[in-house]
Amino acid sequence: MELSLMMLGTGSAFAKKYYNTSALIACGDYNLMLDCGHTVPRSLYDMNISLGAINGIFISHLHEDHIGGLEEVAFRMMYEFRRKMPLFVPEALMPILWENSLRGNLENTADGIHSLDDYFDVVVLQDGMRTPIIPGLTIETLHTIHVKGKPSYGAIINDFLYFSADSVFDRKRIEAVLDRGCTVILHDCQLNGPGIIHATLSELLTLPDDIQRNIRLMHYGDAMEDYIGKSGHMEFLQQHHSYQFRP
């Protein structure tokens, strides 16, 4: 089935011109958000997309540029839209998403609000297992290396689109998702400097041309425009642009 991809943001954690990297996957009438950094509510507003049109959110890891918008989403879903949105969370991120990141502002003992489940319909994802979301839409998480000692996950959507979230350069992982049938790889890309917690452009350029043609670049810094034409066969995803992909 064809997937529509809208980039809500394409920037790194410290980018100022580009919003936090987040994508909206549309499969039929279902809209799945991939990560929800603090700029996501503003991005939806800029594009005149109602938060109520979002059907579910996947969280890859717990850095603020990937979960910073969840507090606003939680409050607005509870008090404005009065429904629970499905929140797809890898098992290793539970319960630390609540205890370490969201509890301080979202817990309200006076109103009987004590957990993430009070705000969201939490779906716990098992690593490496395909989970159906709706008929025709599946998600599978794959453990990645980002910051040592902190769990982080990429996601395969419908067995053909891989969203790396944040990951160091891992050629074996890239080759593995291609070998299993992924034809589209959305990969984070640090434009310069040593690749300590992200894949760098120079590292990604070491990939063979046939692999590069499957890669779209995201999570880049404000100097991205200086690198247009210098990314080999890899294309920079553009903020607020829509893309169509099929197996």
Protein backbone atom coordinates (compact mmCIF):
# COMPACT_ATOMS: atom_id res chain seq x y z
CA MET A 1 0.00 0.00 0.00
CA GLU A 2 1.23 3.49 -0.83
CA LEU A 3 2.27 5.66 2.09
CA SER A 4 2.15 9.43 2.21
CA LEU A 5 4.92 11.08 4.23
CA MET A 6 4.72 14.64 5.52
CA MET A 7 7.83 16.00 7.21
CA LEU A 8 6.68 18.05 10.19
CA GLY A 9 10.30 18.94 10.84
CA THR A 10 13.70 17.94 9.54
CA GLY A 11 16.16 19.61 11.91
CA SER A 12 18.60 18.39 14.51
CA ALA A 13 18.08 18.92 18.24
CA PHE A 14 19.91 22.26 18.04
CA ALA A 15 18.72 23.51 14.63
CA LYS A 16 17.02 26.89 14.69
CA LYS A 17 15.77 27.17 11.08
CA TYR A 18 14.23 23.71 10.96
CA TYR A 19 11.79 22.15 13.38
CA ASN A 20 12.56 18.96 15.32
CA THR A 21 12.63 15.93 13.06
CA SER A 22 9.19 14.35 13.01
CA ALA A 23 7.12 12.77 10.27
CA LEU A 24 3.46 12.16 9.65
CA ILE A 25 2.70 8.87 7.88
CA ALA A 26 -0.71 8.66 6.21
CA CYS A 27 -2.11 5.27 5.30
CA GLY A 28 -5.61 5.74 3.98
CA ASP A 29 -7.38 7.85 6.58
CA TYR A 30 -4.99 6.93 9.40
CA ASN A 31 -2.28 9.44 10.40
CA LEU A 32 0.66 8.08 12.41
CA MET A 33 3.15 10.56 13.82
CA LEU A 34 6.78 9.47 14.14
CA ASP A 35 8.20 11.24 17.20
CA CYS A 36 6.81 14.38 18.82
CA GLY A 37 9.42 17.01 19.69
CA HIS A 38 8.59 20.36 21.22
CA THR A 39 8.17 22.06 17.81
CA VAL A 40 5.55 19.58 16.55
CA PRO A 41 2.46 21.47 17.83
CA ARG A 42 3.73 24.65 16.13
CA SER A 43 4.44 22.75 12.91
CA LEU A 44 0.90 21.33 12.86
CA TYR A 45 -0.43 24.85 13.43
CA ASP A 46 1.70 26.24 10.57
CA MET A 47 0.28 23.60 8.20
CA ASN A 48 -3.30 24.01 9.43
CA ILE A 49 -3.41 20.38 10.58
CA SER A 50 -5.59 19.78 13.62
CA LEU A 51 -4.11 17.75 16.43
CA GLY A 52 -7.42 15.91 16.35
CA ALA A 53 -6.52 14.56 12.90
CA ILE A 54 -3.61 12.58 14.36
CA ASN A 55 -4.54 8.96 15.09
CA GLY A 56 -1.42 7.74 16.88
CA ILE A 57 2.16 8.61 17.84
CA PHE A 58 5.31 6.47 17.81
CA ILE A 59 8.15 7.40 20.17
CA SER A 60 11.70 6.32 19.27
CA HIS A 61 13.59 7.51 22.36
CA LEU A 62 13.41 10.02 25.18
CA HIS A 63 15.38 13.06 24.05
CA GLU A 64 13.43 16.31 24.26
CA ASP A 65 13.50 16.92 20.51
CA HIS A 66 11.60 13.63 20.14
CA ILE A 67 9.14 13.79 23.06
CA GLY A 68 9.00 17.47 24.04
CA GLY A 69 5.58 17.96 22.43
CA LEU A 70 3.89 15.12 24.31
CA GLU A 71 2.92 17.29 27.28
CA GLU A 72 0.84 19.61 25.11
CA VAL A 73 -0.62 16.65 23.23
CA ALA A 74 -1.58 14.95 26.50
CA PHE A 75 -3.34 18.00 27.93
CA ARG A 76 -5.14 18.91 24.70
CA MET A 77 -6.31 15.37 24.01
CA MET A 78 -7.69 15.10 27.55
CA TYR A 79 -9.32 18.51 27.92
CA GLU A 80 -9.96 19.71 24.35
CA PHE A 81 -10.58 16.57 22.28
CA ARG A 82 -11.60 14.36 25.23
CA ARG A 83 -10.17 11.13 23.89
CA LYS A 84 -7.07 9.03 24.35
CA MET A 85 -4.65 8.89 21.46
CA PRO A 86 -2.74 5.62 20.90
CA LEU A 87 0.90 6.02 21.91
CA PHE A 88 3.23 3.37 20.50
CA VAL A 89 6.20 2.94 22.84
CA PRO A 90 9.06 0.39 22.68
CA GLU A 91 9.04 -1.80 25.78
CA ALA A 92 12.43 -0.60 27.06
CA LEU A 93 11.11 2.98 27.20
CA MET A 94 8.39 1.93 29.61
CA PRO A 95 8.07 3.09 32.37
CA ILE A 96 10.93 5.62 32.08
CA LEU A 97 8.97 7.74 29.60
CA TRP A 98 6.58 8.53 32.46
CA GLU A 99 8.85 8.37 35.48
CA ASN A 100 11.86 10.24 34.05
CA SER A 101 10.29 12.57 31.49
CA LEU A 102 6.58 13.32 31.83
CA ARG A 103 5.42 12.62 35.37
CA GLY A 104 6.52 15.90 36.94
CA ASN A 105 4.10 18.01 34.91
CA LEU A 106 1.41 15.52 33.94
CA GLU A 107 0.70 13.77 37.24
CA ASN A 108 -2.27 15.24 39.08
CA THR A 109 -3.14 13.24 42.18
CA ALA A 110 -6.08 15.51 43.01
CA ASP A 111 -7.77 14.46 39.77
CA GLY A 112 -6.67 10.85 40.02
CA ILE A 113 -4.12 11.11 37.21
CA HIS A 114 -1.19 8.87 38.09
CA SER A 115 0.16 7.34 34.88
CA LEU A 116 0.71 7.65 31.15
CA ASP A 117 -2.34 5.45 30.63
CA ASP A 118 -4.53 8.20 32.05
CA TYR A 119 -3.69 10.34 29.02
CA PHE A 120 -2.89 7.86 26.24
CA ASP A 121 -3.93 4.46 24.99
CA VAL A 122 -0.42 3.04 25.42
CA VAL A 123 0.62 0.24 23.08
CA VAL A 124 3.89 -1.39 24.16
CA LEU A 125 6.02 -2.54 21.22
CA GLN A 126 8.22 -5.62 21.48
CA ASP A 127 11.60 -5.17 19.79
CA GLY A 128 11.77 -6.95 16.42
CA MET A 129 8.08 -7.87 16.35
CA ARG A 130 5.70 -6.53 13.71
CA THR A 131 2.67 -4.86 15.30
CA PRO A 132 -0.50 -4.15 13.31
CA ILE A 133 -1.89 -0.65 13.79
CA ILE A 134 -4.83 -0.88 11.41
CA PRO A 135 -5.41 -3.22 8.46
CA GLY A 136 -2.73 -2.27 5.94
CA LEU A 137 -0.44 -0.48 8.40
CA THR A 138 2.21 -2.16 10.56
CA ILE A 139 5.18 -1.04 12.64
CA GLU A 140 8.25 -2.94 13.80
CA THR A 141 10.90 -1.51 16.10
CA LEU A 142 14.62 -2.19 15.81
CA HIS A 143 17.09 -1.35 18.57
CA THR A 144 19.68 1.23 17.48
CA ILE A 145 22.82 2.73 18.98
CA HIS A 146 22.50 6.43 19.75
CA VAL A 147 23.71 7.43 23.22
CA LYS A 148 25.52 4.70 25.13
CA GLY A 149 23.37 3.16 27.84
CA LYS A 150 20.13 4.81 26.69
CA PRO A 151 17.56 2.82 24.69
CA SER A 152 16.79 4.07 21.21
CA TYR A 153 14.80 2.58 18.34
CA GLY A 154 14.24 2.87 14.65
CA ALA A 155 10.99 1.74 13.04
CA ILE A 156 10.05 -0.20 9.93
CA ILE A 157 6.68 0.83 8.53
CA ASN A 158 4.80 -1.63 6.29
CA ASP A 159 7.97 -3.69 5.79
CA PHE A 160 9.44 -1.22 3.27
CA LEU A 161 10.08 2.17 4.95
CA TYR A 162 12.74 2.48 7.64
CA PHE A 163 12.83 5.50 9.98
CA SER A 164 16.20 5.55 11.74
CA ALA A 165 15.26 8.20 14.32
CA ASP A 166 18.66 8.96 15.95
CA SER A 167 21.47 6.49 15.32
CA VAL A 168 25.20 6.31 14.86
CA PHE A 169 26.40 5.14 11.46
CA ASP A 170 25.70 1.42 11.22
CA ARG A 171 26.33 0.02 7.75
CA LYS A 172 25.30 -3.49 8.82
CA ARG A 173 21.93 -2.22 10.02
CA ILE A 174 21.36 -0.29 6.79
CA GLU A 175 22.27 -3.35 4.71
CA ALA A 176 20.07 -5.56 6.90
CA VAL A 177 16.93 -3.46 6.43
CA LEU A 178 17.58 -3.33 2.69
CA ASP A 179 18.06 -7.10 2.56
CA ARG A 180 14.73 -7.66 4.26
CA GLY A 181 12.89 -5.57 1.70
CA CYS A 182 13.06 -1.93 2.81
CA THR A 183 13.32 0.33 -0.22
CA VAL A 184 13.13 3.69 1.58
CA ILE A 185 15.44 4.70 4.43
CA LEU A 186 14.86 7.96 6.29
CA HIS A 187 18.19 8.49 8.02
CA ASP A 188 19.47 11.10 10.45
CA CYS A 189 22.43 13.03 9.11
CA GLN A 190 24.94 15.12 11.04
CA LEU A 191 26.45 17.46 8.46
CA ASN A 192 29.94 17.75 9.95
CA GLY A 193 32.11 16.86 12.92
CA PRO A 194 32.75 13.45 14.47
CA GLY A 195 29.85 11.01 14.46
CA ILE A 196 29.65 10.35 18.19
CA ILE A 197 25.88 9.87 18.48
CA HIS A 198 24.67 10.44 14.91
CA ALA A 199 25.56 9.21 11.45
CA THR A 200 27.56 11.89 9.63
CA LEU A 201 27.20 12.84 6.00
CA SER A 202 30.80 11.80 5.35
CA GLU A 203 30.07 8.35 6.80
CA LEU A 204 26.89 7.93 4.77
CA LEU A 205 28.80 8.93 1.63
CA THR A 206 30.98 5.83 2.07
CA LEU A 207 27.96 3.69 1.17
CA PRO A 208 27.78 2.31 -2.38
CA ASP A 209 25.75 4.32 -4.88
CA ASP A 210 22.99 1.72 -5.08
CA ILE A 211 22.44 1.95 -1.31
CA GLN A 212 22.60 5.76 -1.29
CA ARG A 213 19.74 5.91 -3.80
CA ASN A 214 17.43 4.44 -1.15
CA ILE A 215 18.32 7.02 1.52
CA ARG A 216 16.62 10.31 2.33
CA LEU A 217 18.38 12.56 4.84
CA MET A 218 16.81 14.21 7.89
CA HIS A 219 17.77 15.51 11.36
CA TYR A 220 20.36 17.89 9.92
CA GLY A 221 21.71 21.25 11.05
CA ASP A 222 20.97 24.76 9.87
CA ALA A 223 23.74 24.66 7.24
CA MET A 224 21.90 22.03 5.17
CA GLU A 225 21.51 24.30 2.15
CA ASP A 226 25.30 24.55 1.87
CA TYR A 227 25.39 20.78 1.31
CA ILE A 228 22.83 20.53 -1.47
CA GLY A 229 24.62 18.83 -4.37
CA LYS A 230 27.22 17.39 -1.99
CA SER A 231 25.19 14.46 -0.64
CA GLY A 232 25.95 11.92 -3.34
CA HIS A 233 22.81 10.08 -4.44
CA MET A 234 21.02 10.87 -1.17
CA GLU A 235 18.24 13.45 -1.06
CA PHE A 236 17.63 15.91 1.77
CA LEU A 237 14.05 15.70 3.00
CA GLN A 238 12.43 19.12 3.15
CA GLN A 239 10.41 20.47 6.06
CA HIS A 240 6.65 20.63 5.41
CA HIS A 241 7.01 18.74 2.11
CA SER A 242 4.88 15.73 1.25
CA TYR A 243 6.29 12.55 -0.33
CA GLN A 244 4.66 9.43 -1.72
CA PHE A 245 6.31 6.02 -1.28
CA ARG A 246 5.24 2.53 -2.26
CA PRO A 247 6.90 -0.91 -1.91
